[in-house]
Amino acid sequence: MNDEKYYYHGRLYLRAVSKGMDVSGHMALYLDENSESLARASAGNMINAARLGLKFDDEDSSTYVLRVSEKSNPDSEQVFNTVVNGTRLGKDKVVALDAKGAVYAANDPAVAVSEYTVKFSDKDNTYSIPKKPLLLMDFNKIYAVDVYYYLEGCDPDCSSSIEFNASDLRLAFYGMLSE
């Protein structure tokens, strides 16, 4: 899959900058809920099988696989047809590669995108910050962010019922001073 034929890959660069304040701390980086949804399918249920991958500065320890939707497609549209070593993969299982390149069934590593997303409430002008940031950024350092957007091909929500559907991905980041 190195040819990026079956997934979107892009790279962007982020830098935390502070003007008029002490920069002795770090900038904690989160996803911003914003007024727009992070990802949206223009038709169908494709978004239920979508995954967002983020990798900061080529560091494996700063790699995230996020589910962009917590919904599932109707049971009638779910198909469990991936078989690994004689075992049919079920819900929350994916194909993985070991160090020698052999395939095996693994638990889906994706977590809900909400675990890293700042939430805002217009009702009472409050916000909630996730327990953990995506990254603690040094001020004035440039960070490379690799963005991957793909369908989890072994996911039961990834079946022929979502073929030829389109989706949009919008990324907005939110930073907070962290001591």
N, C-alpha and C. Protein backbone atom coordinates (compact mmCIF):
# COMPACT_ATOMS: atom_id res chain seq x y z
N MET A 1 0.82 -1.19 0.00
CA MET A 1 0.00 0.00 0.00
C MET A 1 0.86 1.26 0.00
N ASN A 2 2.08 1.16 -0.37
CA ASN A 2 2.95 2.32 -0.37
C ASN A 2 2.64 3.33 -1.46
N ASP A 3 1.85 2.93 -2.44
CA ASP A 3 1.55 3.86 -3.54
C ASP A 3 0.40 4.81 -3.23
N GLU A 4 -0.16 4.73 -2.05
CA GLU A 4 -1.25 5.61 -1.60
C GLU A 4 -2.47 5.53 -2.51
N LYS A 5 -2.67 4.39 -3.15
CA LYS A 5 -3.81 4.21 -4.04
C LYS A 5 -5.11 4.02 -3.26
N TYR A 6 -5.03 3.44 -2.08
CA TYR A 6 -6.23 3.07 -1.34
C TYR A 6 -6.48 3.95 -0.11
N TYR A 7 -5.76 5.02 0.01
CA TYR A 7 -5.97 5.92 1.14
C TYR A 7 -5.47 7.31 0.76
N TYR A 8 -5.96 8.30 1.49
CA TYR A 8 -5.47 9.67 1.31
C TYR A 8 -4.33 9.90 2.28
N HIS A 9 -3.28 10.49 1.80
CA HIS A 9 -2.17 10.88 2.66
C HIS A 9 -1.76 12.30 2.30
N GLY A 10 -1.61 13.11 3.30
CA GLY A 10 -1.11 14.47 3.10
C GLY A 10 -0.24 14.85 4.27
N ARG A 11 0.54 15.88 4.10
CA ARG A 11 1.42 16.33 5.18
C ARG A 11 1.17 17.82 5.38
N LEU A 12 1.09 18.20 6.65
CA LEU A 12 0.98 19.61 6.97
C LEU A 12 1.97 19.91 8.09
N TYR A 13 2.18 21.19 8.31
CA TYR A 13 3.15 21.61 9.30
C TYR A 13 2.48 22.55 10.30
N LEU A 14 2.77 22.34 11.58
CA LEU A 14 2.21 23.16 12.65
C LEU A 14 3.33 23.78 13.46
N ARG A 15 3.08 24.99 13.95
CA ARG A 15 4.03 25.65 14.82
C ARG A 15 3.24 26.43 15.86
N ALA A 16 3.61 26.28 17.12
CA ALA A 16 3.00 27.05 18.20
C ALA A 16 3.78 28.36 18.34
N VAL A 17 3.06 29.47 18.26
CA VAL A 17 3.67 30.79 18.34
C VAL A 17 2.95 31.57 19.43
N SER A 18 3.72 32.31 20.21
CA SER A 18 3.14 33.12 21.26
C SER A 18 3.63 34.55 21.11
N LYS A 19 2.70 35.47 21.16
CA LYS A 19 3.06 36.89 21.09
C LYS A 19 2.57 37.57 22.36
N GLY A 20 3.48 38.30 23.01
CA GLY A 20 3.10 39.07 24.18
C GLY A 20 2.92 38.29 25.45
N MET A 21 3.43 37.06 25.50
CA MET A 21 3.32 36.30 26.74
C MET A 21 4.55 35.42 26.90
N ASP A 22 4.79 35.01 28.12
CA ASP A 22 5.92 34.15 28.43
C ASP A 22 5.72 32.80 27.75
N VAL A 23 6.74 32.28 27.12
CA VAL A 23 6.63 31.00 26.42
C VAL A 23 7.44 29.91 27.12
N SER A 24 7.43 29.91 28.44
CA SER A 24 8.20 28.93 29.19
C SER A 24 7.53 27.55 29.21
N GLY A 25 6.26 27.49 28.88
CA GLY A 25 5.55 26.21 28.89
C GLY A 25 5.53 25.57 27.51
N HIS A 26 4.52 24.78 27.29
CA HIS A 26 4.29 24.11 26.02
C HIS A 26 2.87 24.43 25.56
N MET A 27 2.61 24.12 24.31
CA MET A 27 1.26 24.23 23.77
C MET A 27 0.70 22.82 23.68
N ALA A 28 -0.40 22.57 24.39
CA ALA A 28 -1.09 21.27 24.30
C ALA A 28 -2.00 21.32 23.08
N LEU A 29 -1.87 20.36 22.18
CA LEU A 29 -2.60 20.35 20.92
C LEU A 29 -3.72 19.32 20.95
N TYR A 30 -4.91 19.78 20.55
CA TYR A 30 -6.10 18.94 20.47
C TYR A 30 -6.76 19.14 19.11
N LEU A 31 -7.75 18.33 18.82
CA LEU A 31 -8.61 18.60 17.68
C LEU A 31 -9.69 19.57 18.14
N ASP A 32 -10.13 20.42 17.25
CA ASP A 32 -11.14 21.43 17.55
C ASP A 32 -12.47 20.96 16.98
N GLU A 33 -13.47 20.88 17.84
CA GLU A 33 -14.80 20.45 17.41
C GLU A 33 -15.35 21.37 16.33
N ASN A 34 -15.07 22.66 16.47
CA ASN A 34 -15.49 23.65 15.50
C ASN A 34 -16.99 23.54 15.22
N SER A 35 -17.51 24.38 14.38
CA SER A 35 -18.94 24.32 14.05
C SER A 35 -19.21 23.30 12.97
N GLU A 36 -18.19 22.89 12.25
CA GLU A 36 -18.33 21.88 11.20
C GLU A 36 -17.95 20.51 11.77
N SER A 37 -18.50 19.47 11.19
CA SER A 37 -18.08 18.14 11.63
C SER A 37 -16.70 17.84 11.07
N LEU A 38 -15.95 17.01 11.77
CA LEU A 38 -14.61 16.64 11.35
C LEU A 38 -14.64 15.96 9.98
N ALA A 39 -15.51 14.99 9.84
CA ALA A 39 -15.64 14.28 8.57
C ALA A 39 -17.13 14.12 8.29
N ARG A 40 -17.46 14.19 7.02
CA ARG A 40 -18.86 14.10 6.65
C ARG A 40 -18.98 13.37 5.32
N ALA A 41 -19.87 12.42 5.26
CA ALA A 41 -20.14 11.73 4.00
C ALA A 41 -21.21 12.51 3.25
N SER A 42 -20.97 12.71 1.97
CA SER A 42 -21.95 13.45 1.19
C SER A 42 -23.16 12.59 0.87
N ALA A 43 -22.99 11.28 0.91
CA ALA A 43 -24.11 10.35 0.69
C ALA A 43 -23.74 9.00 1.30
N GLY A 44 -24.72 8.26 1.70
CA GLY A 44 -24.48 6.91 2.21
C GLY A 44 -23.86 6.88 3.59
N ASN A 45 -23.32 5.71 3.93
CA ASN A 45 -22.81 5.46 5.27
C ASN A 45 -21.30 5.22 5.31
N MET A 46 -20.59 5.71 4.32
CA MET A 46 -19.16 5.45 4.24
C MET A 46 -18.40 5.90 5.49
N ILE A 47 -18.83 6.98 6.08
CA ILE A 47 -18.10 7.57 7.20
C ILE A 47 -17.99 6.61 8.39
N ASN A 48 -18.91 5.65 8.49
CA ASN A 48 -18.90 4.70 9.60
C ASN A 48 -17.71 3.75 9.54
N ALA A 49 -17.12 3.61 8.36
CA ALA A 49 -15.95 2.74 8.22
C ALA A 49 -14.66 3.55 8.07
N ALA A 50 -14.75 4.86 8.14
CA ALA A 50 -13.58 5.71 7.93
C ALA A 50 -12.69 5.78 9.17
N ARG A 51 -11.40 5.93 8.93
CA ARG A 51 -10.43 6.11 9.99
C ARG A 51 -9.56 7.31 9.64
N LEU A 52 -9.15 8.03 10.67
CA LEU A 52 -8.22 9.14 10.52
C LEU A 52 -6.94 8.77 11.25
N GLY A 53 -5.84 8.80 10.55
CA GLY A 53 -4.55 8.53 11.16
C GLY A 53 -3.75 9.82 11.22
N LEU A 54 -3.13 10.09 12.35
CA LEU A 54 -2.27 11.25 12.53
C LEU A 54 -0.93 10.78 13.07
N LYS A 55 0.15 11.23 12.46
CA LYS A 55 1.49 10.88 12.94
C LYS A 55 2.31 12.16 12.98
N PHE A 56 2.83 12.47 14.17
CA PHE A 56 3.57 13.71 14.39
C PHE A 56 5.07 13.45 14.34
N ASP A 57 5.77 14.20 13.49
CA ASP A 57 7.24 14.16 13.37
C ASP A 57 7.81 12.75 13.18
N ASP A 58 7.12 11.92 12.42
CA ASP A 58 7.59 10.56 12.12
C ASP A 58 7.87 9.72 13.36
N GLU A 59 7.23 10.05 14.47
CA GLU A 59 7.43 9.32 15.72
C GLU A 59 6.30 8.31 15.91
N ASP A 60 6.64 7.03 16.00
CA ASP A 60 5.62 6.01 16.23
C ASP A 60 4.87 6.25 17.53
N SER A 61 5.54 6.83 18.52
CA SER A 61 4.88 7.08 19.80
C SER A 61 3.87 8.23 19.70
N SER A 62 3.90 8.98 18.62
CA SER A 62 2.96 10.07 18.40
C SER A 62 2.05 9.76 17.22
N THR A 63 1.59 8.52 17.15
CA THR A 63 0.71 8.07 16.08
C THR A 63 -0.66 7.74 16.65
N TYR A 64 -1.70 8.21 15.98
CA TYR A 64 -3.07 8.00 16.44
C TYR A 64 -3.92 7.46 15.30
N VAL A 65 -4.77 6.50 15.62
CA VAL A 65 -5.78 6.00 14.69
C VAL A 65 -7.12 6.30 15.34
N LEU A 66 -7.93 7.11 14.65
CA LEU A 66 -9.17 7.61 15.23
C LEU A 66 -10.38 7.21 14.40
N ARG A 67 -11.44 6.78 15.09
CA ARG A 67 -12.74 6.55 14.43
C ARG A 67 -13.42 7.90 14.30
N VAL A 68 -13.86 8.24 13.11
CA VAL A 68 -14.49 9.54 12.93
C VAL A 68 -15.99 9.48 13.17
N SER A 69 -16.54 8.27 13.30
CA SER A 69 -17.96 8.10 13.60
C SER A 69 -18.12 6.96 14.60
N GLU A 70 -19.05 7.12 15.51
CA GLU A 70 -19.35 6.05 16.47
C GLU A 70 -20.60 5.29 16.06
N LYS A 71 -21.12 5.59 14.88
CA LYS A 71 -22.31 4.90 14.37
C LYS A 71 -21.89 3.66 13.61
N SER A 72 -22.82 2.74 13.46
CA SER A 72 -22.61 1.55 12.64
C SER A 72 -23.67 1.53 11.56
N ASN A 73 -23.31 0.92 10.45
CA ASN A 73 -24.30 0.75 9.40
C ASN A 73 -25.33 -0.29 9.83
N PRO A 74 -26.51 -0.25 9.24
CA PRO A 74 -27.53 -1.25 9.59
C PRO A 74 -26.99 -2.67 9.41
N ASP A 75 -27.44 -3.60 10.24
CA ASP A 75 -26.99 -4.99 10.17
C ASP A 75 -27.10 -5.56 8.75
N SER A 76 -28.13 -5.17 8.04
CA SER A 76 -28.34 -5.70 6.68
C SER A 76 -27.25 -5.24 5.71
N GLU A 77 -26.50 -4.20 6.08
CA GLU A 77 -25.43 -3.69 5.22
C GLU A 77 -24.05 -4.10 5.71
N GLN A 78 -23.96 -4.83 6.82
CA GLN A 78 -22.68 -5.26 7.34
C GLN A 78 -22.34 -6.64 6.79
N VAL A 79 -21.09 -6.76 6.32
CA VAL A 79 -20.64 -8.02 5.73
C VAL A 79 -19.32 -8.41 6.38
N PHE A 80 -19.28 -9.59 6.98
CA PHE A 80 -18.04 -10.10 7.58
C PHE A 80 -17.46 -11.12 6.59
N ASN A 81 -16.59 -10.66 5.71
CA ASN A 81 -16.07 -11.58 4.69
C ASN A 81 -14.55 -11.67 4.67
N THR A 82 -13.86 -11.06 5.61
CA THR A 82 -12.40 -11.15 5.65
C THR A 82 -12.02 -12.35 6.51
N VAL A 83 -11.19 -13.23 5.93
CA VAL A 83 -10.75 -14.44 6.62
C VAL A 83 -9.22 -14.40 6.72
N VAL A 84 -8.71 -14.60 7.93
CA VAL A 84 -7.27 -14.62 8.17
C VAL A 84 -6.93 -15.93 8.85
N ASN A 85 -6.06 -16.71 8.24
CA ASN A 85 -5.63 -18.00 8.79
C ASN A 85 -6.82 -18.88 9.17
N GLY A 86 -7.83 -18.90 8.32
CA GLY A 86 -9.00 -19.74 8.53
C GLY A 86 -10.05 -19.17 9.47
N THR A 87 -9.83 -17.99 10.03
CA THR A 87 -10.78 -17.39 10.95
C THR A 87 -11.41 -16.15 10.32
N ARG A 88 -12.73 -16.10 10.34
CA ARG A 88 -13.45 -14.94 9.82
C ARG A 88 -13.37 -13.81 10.84
N LEU A 89 -12.93 -12.65 10.38
CA LEU A 89 -12.83 -11.49 11.27
C LEU A 89 -14.21 -10.94 11.57
N GLY A 90 -14.47 -10.65 12.82
CA GLY A 90 -15.75 -10.09 13.24
C GLY A 90 -15.62 -8.63 13.60
N LYS A 91 -16.60 -8.13 14.27
CA LYS A 91 -16.63 -6.72 14.67
C LYS A 91 -15.41 -6.37 15.52
N ASP A 92 -14.85 -5.19 15.30
CA ASP A 92 -13.70 -4.66 16.03
C ASP A 92 -12.41 -5.43 15.82
N LYS A 93 -12.30 -6.17 14.72
CA LYS A 93 -11.07 -6.88 14.37
C LYS A 93 -10.55 -6.34 13.04
N VAL A 94 -9.23 -6.29 12.90
CA VAL A 94 -8.60 -5.83 11.68
C VAL A 94 -7.45 -6.76 11.32
N VAL A 95 -6.94 -6.61 10.12
CA VAL A 95 -5.77 -7.35 9.68
C VAL A 95 -4.54 -6.53 10.05
N ALA A 96 -3.54 -7.18 10.60
CA ALA A 96 -2.30 -6.51 10.96
C ALA A 96 -1.12 -7.33 10.43
N LEU A 97 0.05 -6.70 10.39
CA LEU A 97 1.27 -7.37 9.95
C LEU A 97 2.23 -7.49 11.12
N ASP A 98 2.86 -8.66 11.26
CA ASP A 98 3.88 -8.79 12.29
C ASP A 98 5.22 -8.33 11.72
N ALA A 99 6.28 -8.41 12.50
CA ALA A 99 7.59 -7.92 12.09
C ALA A 99 8.14 -8.62 10.85
N LYS A 100 7.68 -9.84 10.61
CA LYS A 100 8.15 -10.61 9.44
C LYS A 100 7.25 -10.42 8.22
N GLY A 101 6.19 -9.63 8.37
CA GLY A 101 5.29 -9.37 7.24
C GLY A 101 4.14 -10.36 7.13
N ALA A 102 3.97 -11.22 8.11
CA ALA A 102 2.85 -12.17 8.10
C ALA A 102 1.59 -11.50 8.65
N VAL A 103 0.45 -11.82 8.06
CA VAL A 103 -0.80 -11.22 8.51
C VAL A 103 -1.39 -12.00 9.68
N TYR A 104 -2.10 -11.27 10.53
CA TYR A 104 -2.82 -11.89 11.64
C TYR A 104 -4.00 -11.00 12.00
N ALA A 105 -4.97 -11.57 12.72
CA ALA A 105 -6.12 -10.81 13.18
C ALA A 105 -5.75 -10.06 14.45
N ALA A 106 -6.12 -8.78 14.51
CA ALA A 106 -5.81 -7.96 15.68
C ALA A 106 -7.03 -7.14 16.06
N ASN A 107 -7.03 -6.64 17.28
CA ASN A 107 -8.09 -5.72 17.69
C ASN A 107 -7.90 -4.39 16.97
N ASP A 108 -8.99 -3.79 16.58
CA ASP A 108 -8.96 -2.49 15.92
C ASP A 108 -8.32 -1.48 16.87
N PRO A 109 -7.21 -0.84 16.47
CA PRO A 109 -6.53 0.10 17.37
C PRO A 109 -7.20 1.48 17.45
N ALA A 110 -8.23 1.70 16.64
CA ALA A 110 -8.86 3.02 16.58
C ALA A 110 -9.59 3.36 17.87
N VAL A 111 -9.47 4.63 18.27
CA VAL A 111 -10.22 5.16 19.41
C VAL A 111 -11.12 6.27 18.89
N ALA A 112 -12.10 6.61 19.66
CA ALA A 112 -13.04 7.66 19.26
C ALA A 112 -12.31 8.99 19.12
N VAL A 113 -12.59 9.70 18.05
CA VAL A 113 -11.98 11.01 17.82
C VAL A 113 -12.29 11.97 18.97
N SER A 114 -13.39 11.74 19.66
CA SER A 114 -13.79 12.61 20.77
C SER A 114 -12.79 12.58 21.93
N GLU A 115 -11.96 11.53 22.01
CA GLU A 115 -10.97 11.45 23.08
C GLU A 115 -9.89 12.52 22.98
N TYR A 116 -9.78 13.17 21.82
CA TYR A 116 -8.77 14.20 21.61
C TYR A 116 -9.38 15.51 21.09
N THR A 117 -10.68 15.67 21.25
CA THR A 117 -11.39 16.82 20.68
C THR A 117 -11.92 17.74 21.77
N VAL A 118 -11.62 19.03 21.66
CA VAL A 118 -12.15 20.04 22.56
C VAL A 118 -13.61 20.26 22.19
N LYS A 119 -14.48 20.26 23.18
CA LYS A 119 -15.92 20.44 22.96
C LYS A 119 -16.35 21.79 23.52
N PHE A 120 -17.17 22.50 22.77
CA PHE A 120 -17.66 23.82 23.17
C PHE A 120 -19.17 23.76 23.36
N SER A 121 -19.65 24.52 24.32
CA SER A 121 -21.09 24.63 24.56
C SER A 121 -21.51 26.08 24.37
N ASP A 122 -22.32 26.32 23.35
CA ASP A 122 -22.84 27.67 23.11
C ASP A 122 -23.86 28.05 24.17
N LYS A 123 -24.50 27.04 24.73
CA LYS A 123 -25.57 27.28 25.71
C LYS A 123 -25.07 28.06 26.93
N ASP A 124 -23.93 27.62 27.49
CA ASP A 124 -23.43 28.30 28.69
C ASP A 124 -21.99 28.81 28.53
N ASN A 125 -21.53 28.94 27.28
CA ASN A 125 -20.19 29.46 26.97
C ASN A 125 -19.08 28.74 27.73
N THR A 126 -19.13 27.42 27.76
CA THR A 126 -18.09 26.63 28.42
C THR A 126 -17.42 25.73 27.38
N TYR A 127 -16.36 25.11 27.80
CA TYR A 127 -15.69 24.13 26.95
C TYR A 127 -15.12 23.03 27.82
N SER A 128 -14.88 21.88 27.22
CA SER A 128 -14.25 20.78 27.95
C SER A 128 -13.02 20.33 27.18
N ILE A 129 -11.97 20.10 27.91
CA ILE A 129 -10.68 19.70 27.35
C ILE A 129 -10.48 18.20 27.62
N PRO A 130 -10.05 17.45 26.61
CA PRO A 130 -9.79 16.02 26.82
C PRO A 130 -8.70 15.78 27.86
N LYS A 131 -8.66 14.58 28.39
CA LYS A 131 -7.68 14.23 29.42
C LYS A 131 -6.25 14.29 28.90
N LYS A 132 -6.08 13.95 27.62
CA LYS A 132 -4.75 13.86 27.04
C LYS A 132 -4.69 14.63 25.73
N PRO A 133 -3.64 15.43 25.51
CA PRO A 133 -3.50 16.10 24.22
C PRO A 133 -2.90 15.15 23.17
N LEU A 134 -3.05 15.52 21.92
CA LEU A 134 -2.38 14.77 20.86
C LEU A 134 -0.87 14.94 20.96
N LEU A 135 -0.45 16.16 21.34
CA LEU A 135 0.96 16.48 21.34
C LEU A 135 1.22 17.67 22.25
N LEU A 136 2.34 17.67 22.95
CA LEU A 136 2.81 18.85 23.66
C LEU A 136 3.86 19.50 22.77
N MET A 137 3.55 20.69 22.27
CA MET A 137 4.41 21.36 21.31
C MET A 137 5.33 22.36 22.00
N ASP A 138 6.59 22.36 21.61
CA ASP A 138 7.51 23.42 22.01
C ASP A 138 7.18 24.64 21.17
N PHE A 139 7.27 25.81 21.75
CA PHE A 139 7.00 27.03 21.01
C PHE A 139 8.08 27.26 19.94
N ASN A 140 7.64 27.72 18.80
CA ASN A 140 8.48 28.08 17.65
C ASN A 140 9.15 26.89 16.97
N LYS A 141 8.84 25.69 17.35
CA LYS A 141 9.34 24.50 16.65
C LYS A 141 8.29 24.10 15.62
N ILE A 142 8.74 23.70 14.44
CA ILE A 142 7.83 23.27 13.39
C ILE A 142 7.67 21.75 13.47
N TYR A 143 6.43 21.29 13.51
CA TYR A 143 6.11 19.87 13.59
C TYR A 143 5.47 19.42 12.29
N ALA A 144 5.97 18.33 11.73
CA ALA A 144 5.34 17.73 10.56
C ALA A 144 4.22 16.82 11.03
N VAL A 145 3.07 16.90 10.38
CA VAL A 145 1.93 16.05 10.72
C VAL A 145 1.52 15.30 9.46
N ASP A 146 1.66 13.98 9.49
CA ASP A 146 1.17 13.16 8.39
C ASP A 146 -0.28 12.81 8.69
N VAL A 147 -1.14 13.05 7.70
CA VAL A 147 -2.57 12.80 7.83
C VAL A 147 -2.94 11.66 6.89
N TYR A 148 -3.58 10.64 7.42
CA TYR A 148 -4.06 9.50 6.63
C TYR A 148 -5.57 9.41 6.81
N TYR A 149 -6.28 9.23 5.73
CA TYR A 149 -7.73 9.09 5.78
C TYR A 149 -8.07 7.90 4.91
N TYR A 150 -8.70 6.90 5.50
CA TYR A 150 -8.92 5.65 4.77
C TYR A 150 -10.13 4.92 5.32
N LEU A 151 -10.54 3.88 4.60
CA LEU A 151 -11.60 3.00 5.07
C LEU A 151 -10.97 1.79 5.71
N GLU A 152 -11.48 1.40 6.86
CA GLU A 152 -11.00 0.18 7.51
C GLU A 152 -11.60 -0.98 6.72
N GLY A 153 -10.82 -1.55 5.85
CA GLY A 153 -11.31 -2.54 4.89
C GLY A 153 -11.87 -3.81 5.49
N CYS A 154 -11.52 -4.16 6.72
CA CYS A 154 -12.04 -5.36 7.35
C CYS A 154 -13.27 -5.06 8.19
N ASP A 155 -13.57 -3.80 8.31
CA ASP A 155 -14.70 -3.37 9.13
C ASP A 155 -16.00 -3.82 8.48
N PRO A 156 -16.96 -4.31 9.27
CA PRO A 156 -18.23 -4.73 8.68
C PRO A 156 -18.98 -3.56 8.03
N ASP A 157 -18.65 -2.35 8.41
CA ASP A 157 -19.29 -1.19 7.80
C ASP A 157 -18.67 -0.86 6.44
N CYS A 158 -17.61 -1.52 6.09
CA CYS A 158 -16.91 -1.28 4.83
C CYS A 158 -17.28 -2.40 3.85
N SER A 159 -18.42 -2.27 3.23
CA SER A 159 -18.90 -3.27 2.29
C SER A 159 -19.34 -2.58 1.01
N SER A 160 -19.86 -3.36 0.08
CA SER A 160 -20.24 -2.80 -1.22
C SER A 160 -21.33 -1.73 -1.10
N SER A 161 -22.02 -1.66 0.03
CA SER A 161 -23.06 -0.65 0.19
C SER A 161 -22.49 0.77 0.25
N ILE A 162 -21.19 0.90 0.41
CA ILE A 162 -20.60 2.24 0.49
C ILE A 162 -19.75 2.57 -0.73
N GLU A 163 -19.73 1.70 -1.72
CA GLU A 163 -18.94 1.98 -2.92
C GLU A 163 -19.41 3.27 -3.58
N PHE A 164 -18.46 3.98 -4.12
CA PHE A 164 -18.69 5.21 -4.87
C PHE A 164 -19.31 6.33 -4.05
N ASN A 165 -19.16 6.28 -2.73
CA ASN A 165 -19.59 7.39 -1.88
C ASN A 165 -18.40 8.33 -1.70
N ALA A 166 -18.69 9.58 -1.48
CA ALA A 166 -17.65 10.58 -1.25
C ALA A 166 -17.76 11.11 0.17
N SER A 167 -16.67 11.62 0.68
CA SER A 167 -16.70 12.25 2.01
C SER A 167 -15.74 13.43 2.03
N ASP A 168 -15.94 14.29 3.01
CA ASP A 168 -15.07 15.44 3.23
C ASP A 168 -14.39 15.27 4.58
N LEU A 169 -13.18 15.76 4.68
CA LEU A 169 -12.45 15.75 5.94
C LEU A 169 -12.00 17.17 6.22
N ARG A 170 -12.33 17.64 7.41
CA ARG A 170 -11.92 18.98 7.84
C ARG A 170 -11.13 18.84 9.14
N LEU A 171 -9.93 19.35 9.15
CA LEU A 171 -9.12 19.30 10.36
C LEU A 171 -8.97 20.71 10.92
N ALA A 172 -9.29 20.84 12.18
CA ALA A 172 -9.06 22.09 12.89
C ALA A 172 -8.40 21.71 14.21
N PHE A 173 -7.33 22.39 14.54
CA PHE A 173 -6.61 22.11 15.77
C PHE A 173 -6.87 23.21 16.78
N TYR A 174 -6.75 22.86 18.05
CA TYR A 174 -6.95 23.80 19.15
C TYR A 174 -5.76 23.66 20.08
N GLY A 175 -5.14 24.76 20.45
CA GLY A 175 -3.99 24.72 21.34
C GLY A 175 -4.26 25.48 22.62
N MET A 176 -3.71 24.96 23.71
CA MET A 176 -3.82 25.62 25.02
C MET A 176 -2.45 25.63 25.68
N LEU A 177 -2.14 26.73 26.32
CA LEU A 177 -0.89 26.84 27.05
C LEU A 177 -0.86 25.78 28.14
N SER A 178 0.24 25.05 28.21
CA SER A 178 0.40 23.99 29.20
C SER A 178 1.69 24.26 29.96
N GLU A 179 1.60 24.32 31.26
CA GLU A 179 2.81 24.59 32.08
C GLU A 179 3.64 23.36 32.23
